[in-house]
Amino acid sequence: MINAISGTLCHKGIDSIRIDTHGIEWEFLVPVRSVDAFGRVGENARVLAWLLHRDDQMRLFGFPTESERAIFLELLGVDGIGPKQALKILSGIGADELDRALETEDMARLEAIPGLGKKTAQKLVFALKGRLPSSLRVVRPEVAGPHDDIVRALADLGYDRKRAAETVRSIASETSALPADPSERERELFRRAMVSLSGA
């Protein structure tokens, strides 16, 4: 199994590169977006490889990072997606944007990828949502709510944060049942949330 090939970058095409290793040139199909990531012609480059080996053909696919190759392999696991289409997907959308589109089920963005129809976009969401390499997970900061301190305190006590947030939000909506004084209101909100979460 070929993991990677290092040598001199001797050619850059629209969706391919060639690496010279002491007189032997290796040609790789690569995502269009990744061509420039291999550097300039004449410089040393390292290409992470995946070999397509069939009775009628052998082709090398190349990637600049482990994460991009891992995404490519995940795409190959989706029913109906072959190596060339997986490469087209990575050519049409960046890794972080793909992750975001899958997580938010942004069908419009996925369908905008050249050659990707509605059915295939749905397959991608179903098969890959939450499955991209952890190094590519897009960290999205939580938006602090008006009672974030109470939710955090409940979470520190061992309660599930999501459930705590929902409970606090539900109790806070009952404005007439809570004290008008802000400090008293927060204390009462905390107390009632604890009671509710404890099942008492």
N, C-alpha and C. Protein backbone atom coordinates (compact mmCIF):
# COMPACT_ATOMS: atom_id res chain seq x y z
N MET A 1 0.85 -1.20 0.00
CA MET A 1 0.00 0.00 0.00
C MET A 1 0.88 1.25 0.00
N ILE A 2 0.62 2.16 -0.92
CA ILE A 2 1.35 3.42 -0.98
C ILE A 2 0.69 4.42 -0.05
N ASN A 3 1.42 4.90 0.94
CA ASN A 3 0.87 5.89 1.85
C ASN A 3 1.13 7.30 1.35
N ALA A 4 2.37 7.56 0.95
CA ALA A 4 2.73 8.89 0.48
C ALA A 4 3.94 8.80 -0.42
N ILE A 5 4.09 9.79 -1.30
CA ILE A 5 5.24 9.89 -2.18
C ILE A 5 5.82 11.30 -2.05
N SER A 6 7.12 11.36 -1.82
CA SER A 6 7.80 12.65 -1.71
C SER A 6 8.78 12.81 -2.86
N GLY A 7 8.86 14.01 -3.39
CA GLY A 7 9.78 14.27 -4.49
C GLY A 7 9.65 15.70 -4.96
N THR A 8 10.06 15.94 -6.18
CA THR A 8 10.01 17.29 -6.75
C THR A 8 8.73 17.48 -7.53
N LEU A 9 8.01 18.55 -7.21
CA LEU A 9 6.79 18.87 -7.95
C LEU A 9 7.21 19.36 -9.34
N CYS A 10 6.89 18.60 -10.36
CA CYS A 10 7.36 18.96 -11.71
C CYS A 10 6.24 19.41 -12.63
N HIS A 11 4.99 19.29 -12.19
CA HIS A 11 3.87 19.74 -13.03
C HIS A 11 2.64 20.00 -12.17
N LYS A 12 1.92 21.06 -12.52
CA LYS A 12 0.64 21.37 -11.88
C LYS A 12 -0.40 21.62 -12.95
N GLY A 13 -1.46 20.82 -12.95
CA GLY A 13 -2.56 21.03 -13.88
C GLY A 13 -3.76 21.58 -13.13
N ILE A 14 -4.91 21.59 -13.79
CA ILE A 14 -6.13 22.08 -13.14
C ILE A 14 -6.55 21.16 -12.01
N ASP A 15 -6.47 19.85 -12.24
CA ASP A 15 -6.89 18.89 -11.23
C ASP A 15 -5.89 17.73 -11.13
N SER A 16 -4.64 18.01 -11.40
CA SER A 16 -3.62 16.96 -11.33
C SER A 16 -2.25 17.57 -11.04
N ILE A 17 -1.37 16.75 -10.50
CA ILE A 17 0.02 17.16 -10.29
C ILE A 17 0.92 15.97 -10.63
N ARG A 18 2.20 16.26 -10.85
CA ARG A 18 3.17 15.19 -11.07
C ARG A 18 4.35 15.40 -10.14
N ILE A 19 4.81 14.29 -9.57
CA ILE A 19 5.94 14.31 -8.65
C ILE A 19 7.07 13.48 -9.26
N ASP A 20 8.26 14.07 -9.32
CA ASP A 20 9.43 13.38 -9.84
C ASP A 20 10.25 12.81 -8.69
N THR A 21 10.43 11.50 -8.71
CA THR A 21 11.26 10.84 -7.70
C THR A 21 12.43 10.16 -8.41
N HIS A 22 13.51 10.91 -8.54
CA HIS A 22 14.74 10.39 -9.15
C HIS A 22 14.48 9.82 -10.54
N GLY A 23 13.79 10.57 -11.38
CA GLY A 23 13.59 10.17 -12.76
C GLY A 23 12.29 9.45 -13.04
N ILE A 24 11.55 9.10 -12.01
CA ILE A 24 10.24 8.47 -12.19
C ILE A 24 9.17 9.50 -11.84
N GLU A 25 8.26 9.75 -12.77
CA GLU A 25 7.19 10.72 -12.53
C GLU A 25 5.90 10.01 -12.14
N TRP A 26 5.33 10.47 -11.05
CA TRP A 26 4.05 9.94 -10.56
C TRP A 26 2.98 10.99 -10.80
N GLU A 27 1.88 10.58 -11.42
CA GLU A 27 0.78 11.52 -11.67
C GLU A 27 -0.36 11.25 -10.71
N PHE A 28 -0.86 12.32 -10.11
CA PHE A 28 -1.96 12.22 -9.15
C PHE A 28 -3.14 13.07 -9.62
N LEU A 29 -4.32 12.53 -9.47
CA LEU A 29 -5.53 13.35 -9.59
C LEU A 29 -5.75 13.97 -8.21
N VAL A 30 -6.00 15.26 -8.16
CA VAL A 30 -6.16 15.95 -6.88
C VAL A 30 -7.36 16.88 -6.94
N PRO A 31 -7.93 17.24 -5.78
CA PRO A 31 -9.02 18.22 -5.79
C PRO A 31 -8.54 19.55 -6.35
N VAL A 32 -9.35 20.19 -7.18
CA VAL A 32 -8.97 21.47 -7.77
C VAL A 32 -8.55 22.47 -6.70
N ARG A 33 -9.29 22.48 -5.59
CA ARG A 33 -8.99 23.43 -4.52
C ARG A 33 -7.63 23.19 -3.86
N SER A 34 -7.08 21.99 -4.02
CA SER A 34 -5.87 21.62 -3.30
C SER A 34 -4.59 21.72 -4.11
N VAL A 35 -4.71 22.01 -5.39
CA VAL A 35 -3.52 22.04 -6.26
C VAL A 35 -2.43 22.94 -5.69
N ASP A 36 -2.81 24.16 -5.30
CA ASP A 36 -1.80 25.11 -4.82
C ASP A 36 -1.21 24.73 -3.46
N ALA A 37 -1.87 23.83 -2.74
CA ALA A 37 -1.38 23.43 -1.42
C ALA A 37 -0.08 22.62 -1.51
N PHE A 38 0.25 22.13 -2.70
CA PHE A 38 1.46 21.32 -2.85
C PHE A 38 2.71 22.17 -3.11
N GLY A 39 2.54 23.47 -3.22
CA GLY A 39 3.68 24.34 -3.42
C GLY A 39 3.92 24.69 -4.88
N ARG A 40 5.12 25.15 -5.15
CA ARG A 40 5.48 25.60 -6.49
C ARG A 40 6.21 24.51 -7.26
N VAL A 41 6.08 24.58 -8.57
CA VAL A 41 6.82 23.65 -9.43
C VAL A 41 8.31 23.84 -9.19
N GLY A 42 9.02 22.73 -9.03
CA GLY A 42 10.45 22.77 -8.76
C GLY A 42 10.79 22.60 -7.29
N GLU A 43 9.78 22.74 -6.42
CA GLU A 43 10.00 22.56 -5.00
C GLU A 43 9.68 21.13 -4.57
N ASN A 44 10.19 20.76 -3.40
CA ASN A 44 9.88 19.44 -2.87
C ASN A 44 8.44 19.41 -2.37
N ALA A 45 7.79 18.29 -2.55
CA ALA A 45 6.40 18.14 -2.11
C ALA A 45 6.18 16.71 -1.62
N ARG A 46 5.23 16.59 -0.73
CA ARG A 46 4.83 15.27 -0.22
C ARG A 46 3.34 15.10 -0.50
N VAL A 47 3.00 14.02 -1.14
CA VAL A 47 1.60 13.78 -1.53
C VAL A 47 1.09 12.54 -0.82
N LEU A 48 0.02 12.68 -0.07
CA LEU A 48 -0.63 11.53 0.56
C LEU A 48 -1.48 10.85 -0.51
N ALA A 49 -1.32 9.55 -0.64
CA ALA A 49 -1.88 8.85 -1.79
C ALA A 49 -3.01 7.90 -1.46
N TRP A 50 -3.83 7.69 -2.47
CA TRP A 50 -4.83 6.60 -2.46
C TRP A 50 -4.82 6.00 -3.85
N LEU A 51 -4.66 4.69 -3.91
CA LEU A 51 -4.52 4.01 -5.20
C LEU A 51 -5.82 3.32 -5.60
N LEU A 52 -6.30 3.67 -6.78
CA LEU A 52 -7.44 2.97 -7.37
C LEU A 52 -6.87 1.86 -8.25
N HIS A 53 -7.16 0.63 -7.90
CA HIS A 53 -6.61 -0.51 -8.65
C HIS A 53 -7.75 -1.41 -9.11
N ARG A 54 -8.03 -1.34 -10.39
CA ARG A 54 -9.05 -2.18 -10.99
C ARG A 54 -8.43 -2.96 -12.14
N ASP A 55 -9.18 -3.94 -12.64
CA ASP A 55 -8.66 -4.76 -13.74
C ASP A 55 -8.33 -3.92 -14.97
N ASP A 56 -9.12 -2.86 -15.18
CA ASP A 56 -8.94 -2.08 -16.41
C ASP A 56 -8.18 -0.76 -16.21
N GLN A 57 -7.83 -0.41 -14.96
CA GLN A 57 -7.12 0.84 -14.75
C GLN A 57 -6.46 0.93 -13.37
N MET A 58 -5.43 1.75 -13.30
CA MET A 58 -4.79 2.10 -12.04
C MET A 58 -4.60 3.62 -12.03
N ARG A 59 -5.09 4.27 -10.99
CA ARG A 59 -4.95 5.72 -10.88
C ARG A 59 -4.56 6.08 -9.46
N LEU A 60 -3.71 7.07 -9.35
CA LEU A 60 -3.32 7.59 -8.04
C LEU A 60 -4.09 8.88 -7.76
N PHE A 61 -4.65 8.97 -6.57
CA PHE A 61 -5.31 10.19 -6.13
C PHE A 61 -4.45 10.78 -5.01
N GLY A 62 -4.26 12.09 -5.04
CA GLY A 62 -3.37 12.71 -4.06
C GLY A 62 -4.02 13.80 -3.22
N PHE A 63 -3.50 13.94 -2.00
CA PHE A 63 -4.06 14.91 -1.05
C PHE A 63 -2.93 15.55 -0.25
N PRO A 64 -3.08 16.83 0.09
CA PRO A 64 -2.02 17.52 0.85
C PRO A 64 -2.04 17.23 2.35
N THR A 65 -3.19 16.78 2.88
CA THR A 65 -3.30 16.54 4.32
C THR A 65 -4.00 15.22 4.61
N GLU A 66 -3.75 14.71 5.80
CA GLU A 66 -4.41 13.48 6.25
C GLU A 66 -5.91 13.68 6.34
N SER A 67 -6.31 14.86 6.80
CA SER A 67 -7.74 15.13 6.97
C SER A 67 -8.48 15.09 5.64
N GLU A 68 -7.87 15.68 4.61
CA GLU A 68 -8.55 15.69 3.33
C GLU A 68 -8.67 14.29 2.75
N ARG A 69 -7.62 13.49 2.93
CA ARG A 69 -7.70 12.11 2.46
C ARG A 69 -8.75 11.34 3.24
N ALA A 70 -8.84 11.59 4.54
CA ALA A 70 -9.83 10.92 5.37
C ALA A 70 -11.24 11.26 4.91
N ILE A 71 -11.48 12.52 4.55
CA ILE A 71 -12.79 12.93 4.05
C ILE A 71 -13.09 12.21 2.73
N PHE A 72 -12.10 12.15 1.87
CA PHE A 72 -12.24 11.45 0.59
C PHE A 72 -12.68 10.00 0.83
N LEU A 73 -12.05 9.33 1.78
CA LEU A 73 -12.39 7.94 2.08
C LEU A 73 -13.79 7.83 2.67
N GLU A 74 -14.19 8.81 3.47
CA GLU A 74 -15.55 8.82 4.01
C GLU A 74 -16.56 8.96 2.87
N LEU A 75 -16.24 9.82 1.91
CA LEU A 75 -17.14 10.01 0.76
C LEU A 75 -17.28 8.73 -0.05
N LEU A 76 -16.19 7.97 -0.15
CA LEU A 76 -16.24 6.71 -0.90
C LEU A 76 -17.18 5.71 -0.23
N GLY A 77 -17.41 5.90 1.06
CA GLY A 77 -18.30 4.99 1.79
C GLY A 77 -19.77 5.28 1.57
N VAL A 78 -20.06 6.38 0.89
CA VAL A 78 -21.46 6.75 0.61
C VAL A 78 -21.91 6.02 -0.65
N ASP A 79 -23.04 5.37 -0.55
CA ASP A 79 -23.56 4.59 -1.68
C ASP A 79 -23.69 5.44 -2.94
N GLY A 80 -23.08 4.96 -4.02
CA GLY A 80 -23.20 5.64 -5.30
C GLY A 80 -22.12 6.65 -5.59
N ILE A 81 -21.21 6.90 -4.64
CA ILE A 81 -20.13 7.86 -4.86
C ILE A 81 -18.82 7.13 -5.09
N GLY A 82 -18.24 7.34 -6.28
CA GLY A 82 -16.96 6.75 -6.62
C GLY A 82 -15.84 7.74 -6.44
N PRO A 83 -14.60 7.33 -6.73
CA PRO A 83 -13.44 8.19 -6.54
C PRO A 83 -13.50 9.53 -7.28
N LYS A 84 -13.93 9.50 -8.54
CA LYS A 84 -13.95 10.74 -9.31
C LYS A 84 -15.00 11.72 -8.78
N GLN A 85 -16.15 11.19 -8.37
CA GLN A 85 -17.17 12.09 -7.84
C GLN A 85 -16.76 12.63 -6.47
N ALA A 86 -16.10 11.78 -5.66
CA ALA A 86 -15.60 12.24 -4.37
C ALA A 86 -14.61 13.38 -4.56
N LEU A 87 -13.77 13.24 -5.59
CA LEU A 87 -12.79 14.29 -5.88
C LEU A 87 -13.49 15.57 -6.34
N LYS A 88 -14.56 15.42 -7.12
CA LYS A 88 -15.32 16.59 -7.58
C LYS A 88 -15.96 17.32 -6.40
N ILE A 89 -16.43 16.54 -5.44
CA ILE A 89 -17.05 17.15 -4.25
C ILE A 89 -16.02 17.98 -3.50
N LEU A 90 -14.82 17.41 -3.30
CA LEU A 90 -13.77 18.14 -2.59
C LEU A 90 -13.24 19.31 -3.42
N SER A 91 -13.46 19.26 -4.73
CA SER A 91 -13.07 20.38 -5.59
C SER A 91 -14.08 21.51 -5.50
N GLY A 92 -15.31 21.16 -5.16
CA GLY A 92 -16.38 22.15 -5.17
C GLY A 92 -16.71 22.76 -3.82
N ILE A 93 -16.13 22.23 -2.75
CA ILE A 93 -16.43 22.76 -1.42
C ILE A 93 -15.27 22.45 -0.47
N GLY A 94 -14.92 23.43 0.36
CA GLY A 94 -13.85 23.23 1.33
C GLY A 94 -14.28 22.30 2.46
N ALA A 95 -13.30 21.73 3.14
CA ALA A 95 -13.59 20.76 4.19
C ALA A 95 -14.46 21.33 5.31
N ASP A 96 -14.11 22.53 5.79
CA ASP A 96 -14.88 23.11 6.89
C ASP A 96 -16.29 23.49 6.45
N GLU A 97 -16.40 23.96 5.19
CA GLU A 97 -17.72 24.32 4.67
C GLU A 97 -18.58 23.09 4.45
N LEU A 98 -17.95 22.00 4.02
CA LEU A 98 -18.67 20.73 3.85
C LEU A 98 -19.20 20.26 5.19
N ASP A 99 -18.35 20.34 6.20
CA ASP A 99 -18.77 19.95 7.55
C ASP A 99 -19.96 20.78 8.01
N ARG A 100 -19.89 22.08 7.79
CA ARG A 100 -20.96 22.98 8.23
C ARG A 100 -22.26 22.68 7.49
N ALA A 101 -22.14 22.43 6.19
CA ALA A 101 -23.33 22.14 5.37
C ALA A 101 -23.98 20.82 5.81
N LEU A 102 -23.16 19.84 6.16
CA LEU A 102 -23.70 18.56 6.61
C LEU A 102 -24.38 18.70 7.98
N GLU A 103 -23.72 19.41 8.89
CA GLU A 103 -24.26 19.56 10.24
C GLU A 103 -25.56 20.34 10.27
N THR A 104 -25.67 21.34 9.39
CA THR A 104 -26.88 22.16 9.36
C THR A 104 -27.88 21.67 8.32
N GLU A 105 -27.51 20.57 7.65
CA GLU A 105 -28.35 20.02 6.58
C GLU A 105 -28.70 21.09 5.55
N ASP A 106 -27.67 21.84 5.15
CA ASP A 106 -27.83 22.91 4.18
C ASP A 106 -27.87 22.31 2.78
N MET A 107 -29.05 21.86 2.38
CA MET A 107 -29.20 21.18 1.10
C MET A 107 -28.88 22.11 -0.08
N ALA A 108 -29.21 23.38 0.05
CA ALA A 108 -28.95 24.32 -1.04
C ALA A 108 -27.46 24.40 -1.33
N ARG A 109 -26.65 24.44 -0.27
CA ARG A 109 -25.19 24.53 -0.48
C ARG A 109 -24.65 23.23 -1.06
N LEU A 110 -25.13 22.12 -0.57
CA LEU A 110 -24.65 20.83 -1.08
C LEU A 110 -25.04 20.63 -2.54
N GLU A 111 -26.26 21.02 -2.87
CA GLU A 111 -26.73 20.85 -4.25
C GLU A 111 -26.03 21.82 -5.21
N ALA A 112 -25.39 22.85 -4.65
CA ALA A 112 -24.66 23.81 -5.49
C ALA A 112 -23.30 23.26 -5.93
N ILE A 113 -22.86 22.16 -5.32
CA ILE A 113 -21.60 21.55 -5.72
C ILE A 113 -21.77 20.96 -7.12
N PRO A 114 -20.91 21.31 -8.06
CA PRO A 114 -21.06 20.81 -9.43
C PRO A 114 -21.19 19.28 -9.49
N GLY A 115 -22.22 18.82 -10.19
CA GLY A 115 -22.42 17.38 -10.37
C GLY A 115 -23.12 16.68 -9.23
N LEU A 116 -23.52 17.45 -8.20
CA LEU A 116 -24.18 16.84 -7.04
C LEU A 116 -25.66 17.20 -7.06
N GLY A 117 -26.51 16.19 -7.25
CA GLY A 117 -27.95 16.43 -7.28
C GLY A 117 -28.58 16.32 -5.90
N LYS A 118 -29.90 16.51 -5.87
CA LYS A 118 -30.63 16.50 -4.62
C LYS A 118 -30.54 15.16 -3.89
N LYS A 119 -30.69 14.06 -4.64
CA LYS A 119 -30.67 12.74 -4.01
C LYS A 119 -29.31 12.42 -3.40
N THR A 120 -28.26 12.77 -4.13
CA THR A 120 -26.91 12.51 -3.62
C THR A 120 -26.62 13.38 -2.41
N ALA A 121 -27.09 14.63 -2.45
CA ALA A 121 -26.90 15.54 -1.31
C ALA A 121 -27.58 14.97 -0.07
N GLN A 122 -28.77 14.40 -0.25
CA GLN A 122 -29.49 13.79 0.87
C GLN A 122 -28.72 12.59 1.42
N LYS A 123 -28.13 11.82 0.50
CA LYS A 123 -27.33 10.66 0.92
C LYS A 123 -26.13 11.10 1.76
N LEU A 124 -25.51 12.21 1.34
CA LEU A 124 -24.35 12.71 2.07
C LEU A 124 -24.72 13.08 3.50
N VAL A 125 -25.81 13.79 3.65
CA VAL A 125 -26.26 14.21 4.99
C VAL A 125 -26.56 12.99 5.84
N PHE A 126 -27.29 12.04 5.27
CA PHE A 126 -27.67 10.84 6.02
C PHE A 126 -26.45 10.02 6.44
N ALA A 127 -25.48 9.91 5.54
CA ALA A 127 -24.33 9.04 5.80
C ALA A 127 -23.20 9.71 6.57
N LEU A 128 -23.02 11.03 6.39
CA LEU A 128 -21.80 11.66 6.91
C LEU A 128 -22.01 12.70 8.01
N LYS A 129 -23.24 13.07 8.29
CA LYS A 129 -23.45 14.07 9.34
C LYS A 129 -22.85 13.59 10.65
N GLY A 130 -21.91 14.38 11.19
CA GLY A 130 -21.25 14.03 12.44
C GLY A 130 -20.12 13.03 12.32
N ARG A 131 -19.74 12.67 11.07
CA ARG A 131 -18.74 11.63 10.89
C ARG A 131 -17.43 12.12 10.29
N LEU A 132 -17.31 13.39 9.96
CA LEU A 132 -16.05 13.87 9.40
C LEU A 132 -14.96 13.78 10.47
N PRO A 133 -13.69 13.71 10.05
CA PRO A 133 -12.58 13.61 11.02
C PRO A 133 -12.67 14.68 12.08
N SER A 134 -12.39 14.30 13.34
CA SER A 134 -12.53 15.23 14.46
C SER A 134 -11.69 16.49 14.28
N SER A 135 -10.56 16.38 13.56
CA SER A 135 -9.71 17.54 13.35
C SER A 135 -10.38 18.60 12.50
N LEU A 136 -11.47 18.20 11.80
CA LEU A 136 -12.17 19.15 10.94
C LEU A 136 -13.47 19.65 11.55
N ARG A 137 -13.81 19.12 12.69
CA ARG A 137 -15.06 19.55 13.30
C ARG A 137 -15.01 21.05 13.52
N VAL A 138 -15.99 21.73 13.05
CA VAL A 138 -16.06 23.18 13.18
C VAL A 138 -16.59 23.52 14.57
N VAL A 139 -15.75 24.16 15.36
CA VAL A 139 -16.17 24.50 16.72
C VAL A 139 -17.02 25.75 16.66
N ARG A 140 -18.24 25.60 17.09
CA ARG A 140 -19.17 26.73 17.07
C ARG A 140 -19.48 27.15 18.50
N PRO A 141 -19.02 28.30 18.91
CA PRO A 141 -19.26 28.72 20.29
C PRO A 141 -20.74 28.84 20.60
N GLU A 142 -21.09 28.44 21.81
CA GLU A 142 -22.49 28.55 22.23
C GLU A 142 -22.83 30.01 22.49
N VAL A 143 -23.99 30.37 22.07
CA VAL A 143 -24.43 31.73 22.32
C VAL A 143 -24.96 31.82 23.75
N ALA A 144 -24.37 32.72 24.53
CA ALA A 144 -24.76 32.85 25.92
C ALA A 144 -26.18 33.38 26.03
N GLY A 145 -27.00 32.68 26.77
CA GLY A 145 -28.38 33.11 26.97
C GLY A 145 -28.49 34.00 28.19
N PRO A 146 -29.68 34.52 28.45
CA PRO A 146 -29.87 35.42 29.60
C PRO A 146 -29.67 34.72 30.94
N HIS A 147 -29.78 33.39 30.96
CA HIS A 147 -29.62 32.65 32.22
C HIS A 147 -28.48 31.64 32.13
N ASP A 148 -27.44 32.02 31.38
CA ASP A 148 -26.33 31.09 31.14
C ASP A 148 -25.61 30.72 32.43
N ASP A 149 -25.51 31.65 33.38
CA ASP A 149 -24.83 31.36 34.65
C ASP A 149 -25.56 30.25 35.41
N ILE A 150 -26.90 30.29 35.37
CA ILE A 150 -27.69 29.27 36.07
C ILE A 150 -27.50 27.91 35.39
N VAL A 151 -27.54 27.91 34.07
CA VAL A 151 -27.36 26.66 33.32
C VAL A 151 -25.99 26.08 33.61
N ARG A 152 -24.96 26.93 33.61
CA ARG A 152 -23.59 26.46 33.87
C ARG A 152 -23.48 25.90 35.28
N ALA A 153 -24.13 26.55 36.25
CA ALA A 153 -24.08 26.07 37.63
C ALA A 153 -24.76 24.71 37.76
N LEU A 154 -25.87 24.52 37.07
CA LEU A 154 -26.57 23.24 37.08
C LEU A 154 -25.74 22.14 36.42
N ALA A 155 -25.06 22.52 35.34
CA ALA A 155 -24.20 21.56 34.66
C ALA A 155 -23.04 21.15 35.56
N ASP A 156 -22.50 22.11 36.32
CA ASP A 156 -21.41 21.82 37.25
C ASP A 156 -21.85 20.86 38.36
N LEU A 157 -23.15 20.86 38.65
CA LEU A 157 -23.69 19.96 39.66
C LEU A 157 -23.95 18.56 39.09
N GLY A 158 -23.74 18.39 37.81
CA GLY A 158 -23.88 17.07 37.21
C GLY A 158 -25.10 16.88 36.32
N TYR A 159 -25.91 17.92 36.18
CA TYR A 159 -27.09 17.80 35.33
C TYR A 159 -26.69 17.98 33.86
N ASP A 160 -27.42 17.32 32.99
CA ASP A 160 -27.18 17.44 31.55
C ASP A 160 -27.40 18.89 31.13
N ARG A 161 -26.40 19.47 30.45
CA ARG A 161 -26.45 20.89 30.11
C ARG A 161 -27.64 21.24 29.21
N LYS A 162 -27.89 20.40 28.21
CA LYS A 162 -28.98 20.68 27.29
C LYS A 162 -30.32 20.64 28.01
N ARG A 163 -30.49 19.61 28.84
CA ARG A 163 -31.75 19.50 29.58
C ARG A 163 -31.90 20.64 30.57
N ALA A 164 -30.77 21.03 31.19
CA ALA A 164 -30.80 22.14 32.15
C ALA A 164 -31.22 23.43 31.45
N ALA A 165 -30.66 23.66 30.26
CA ALA A 165 -30.99 24.88 29.52
C ALA A 165 -32.47 24.91 29.15
N GLU A 166 -33.00 23.76 28.72
CA GLU A 166 -34.42 23.69 28.35
C GLU A 166 -35.32 23.92 29.56
N THR A 167 -34.92 23.35 30.70
CA THR A 167 -35.70 23.50 31.93
C THR A 167 -35.73 24.94 32.40
N VAL A 168 -34.54 25.58 32.42
CA VAL A 168 -34.45 26.97 32.86
C VAL A 168 -35.26 27.87 31.92
N ARG A 169 -35.16 27.61 30.62
CA ARG A 169 -35.89 28.42 29.65
C ARG A 169 -37.40 28.29 29.86
N SER A 170 -37.84 27.06 30.15
CA SER A 170 -39.26 26.82 30.35
C SER A 170 -39.77 27.53 31.60
N ILE A 171 -39.02 27.43 32.68
CA ILE A 171 -39.43 28.07 33.95
C ILE A 171 -39.39 29.59 33.83
N ALA A 172 -38.36 30.09 33.14
CA ALA A 172 -38.22 31.55 32.99
C ALA A 172 -39.36 32.15 32.18
N SER A 173 -40.00 31.34 31.34
CA SER A 173 -41.11 31.86 30.54
C SER A 173 -42.35 32.12 31.38
N GLU A 174 -42.39 31.53 32.58
CA GLU A 174 -43.53 31.74 33.49
C GLU A 174 -43.25 32.97 34.35
N THR A 175 -43.19 34.12 33.72
CA THR A 175 -42.77 35.35 34.41
C THR A 175 -43.63 35.71 35.60
N SER A 176 -44.92 35.44 35.51
CA SER A 176 -45.83 35.84 36.60
C SER A 176 -45.59 35.04 37.87
N ALA A 177 -44.96 33.86 37.76
CA ALA A 177 -44.74 33.01 38.92
C ALA A 177 -43.39 33.25 39.59
N LEU A 178 -42.61 34.21 39.07
CA LEU A 178 -41.29 34.49 39.61
C LEU A 178 -41.23 35.88 40.22
N PRO A 179 -40.33 36.06 41.22
CA PRO A 179 -40.21 37.37 41.86
C PRO A 179 -39.79 38.44 40.87
N ALA A 180 -40.17 39.68 41.14
CA ALA A 180 -39.82 40.78 40.24
C ALA A 180 -38.38 41.22 40.44
N ASP A 181 -37.88 41.12 41.69
CA ASP A 181 -36.50 41.52 41.98
C ASP A 181 -35.53 40.60 41.22
N PRO A 182 -34.58 41.16 40.45
CA PRO A 182 -33.67 40.35 39.63
C PRO A 182 -32.89 39.29 40.39
N SER A 183 -32.31 39.66 41.54
CA SER A 183 -31.50 38.70 42.31
C SER A 183 -32.38 37.59 42.89
N GLU A 184 -33.56 37.97 43.40
CA GLU A 184 -34.49 36.98 43.94
C GLU A 184 -35.00 36.08 42.81
N ARG A 185 -35.22 36.68 41.68
CA ARG A 185 -35.71 35.94 40.51
C ARG A 185 -34.72 34.85 40.10
N GLU A 186 -33.42 35.21 40.08
CA GLU A 186 -32.39 34.25 39.69
C GLU A 186 -32.31 33.10 40.69
N ARG A 187 -32.38 33.43 41.97
CA ARG A 187 -32.31 32.39 43.01
C ARG A 187 -33.50 31.44 42.91
N GLU A 188 -34.68 32.02 42.69
CA GLU A 188 -35.89 31.20 42.59
C GLU A 188 -35.85 30.34 41.31
N LEU A 189 -35.34 30.90 40.26
CA LEU A 189 -35.21 30.17 39.00
C LEU A 189 -34.26 28.98 39.17
N PHE A 190 -33.16 29.21 39.85
CA PHE A 190 -32.19 28.15 40.11
C PHE A 190 -32.82 27.05 40.96
N ARG A 191 -33.54 27.46 42.01
CA ARG A 191 -34.16 26.49 42.93
C ARG A 191 -35.18 25.63 42.19
N ARG A 192 -36.04 26.29 41.42
CA ARG A 192 -37.09 25.55 40.71
C ARG A 192 -36.50 24.62 39.64
N ALA A 193 -35.44 25.06 38.99
CA ALA A 193 -34.80 24.23 37.98
C ALA A 193 -34.22 22.98 38.62
N MET A 194 -33.60 23.14 39.79
CA MET A 194 -33.03 21.98 40.50
C MET A 194 -34.12 20.99 40.89
N VAL A 195 -35.23 21.52 41.39
CA VAL A 195 -36.35 20.66 41.77
C VAL A 195 -36.87 19.86 40.57
N SER A 196 -37.02 20.59 39.46
CA SER A 196 -37.54 19.95 38.25
C SER A 196 -36.58 18.90 37.71
N LEU A 197 -35.30 19.22 37.69
CA LEU A 197 -34.29 18.29 37.16
C LEU A 197 -34.11 17.07 38.07
N SER A 198 -34.36 17.28 39.35
CA SER A 198 -34.22 16.16 40.29
C SER A 198 -35.44 15.26 40.30
N GLY A 199 -36.49 15.72 39.62
CA GLY A 199 -37.70 14.92 39.54
C GLY A 199 -38.54 14.97 40.80
N ALA A 200 -38.23 15.96 41.64
CA ALA A 200 -38.97 16.07 42.91
C ALA A 200 -40.30 16.79 42.68
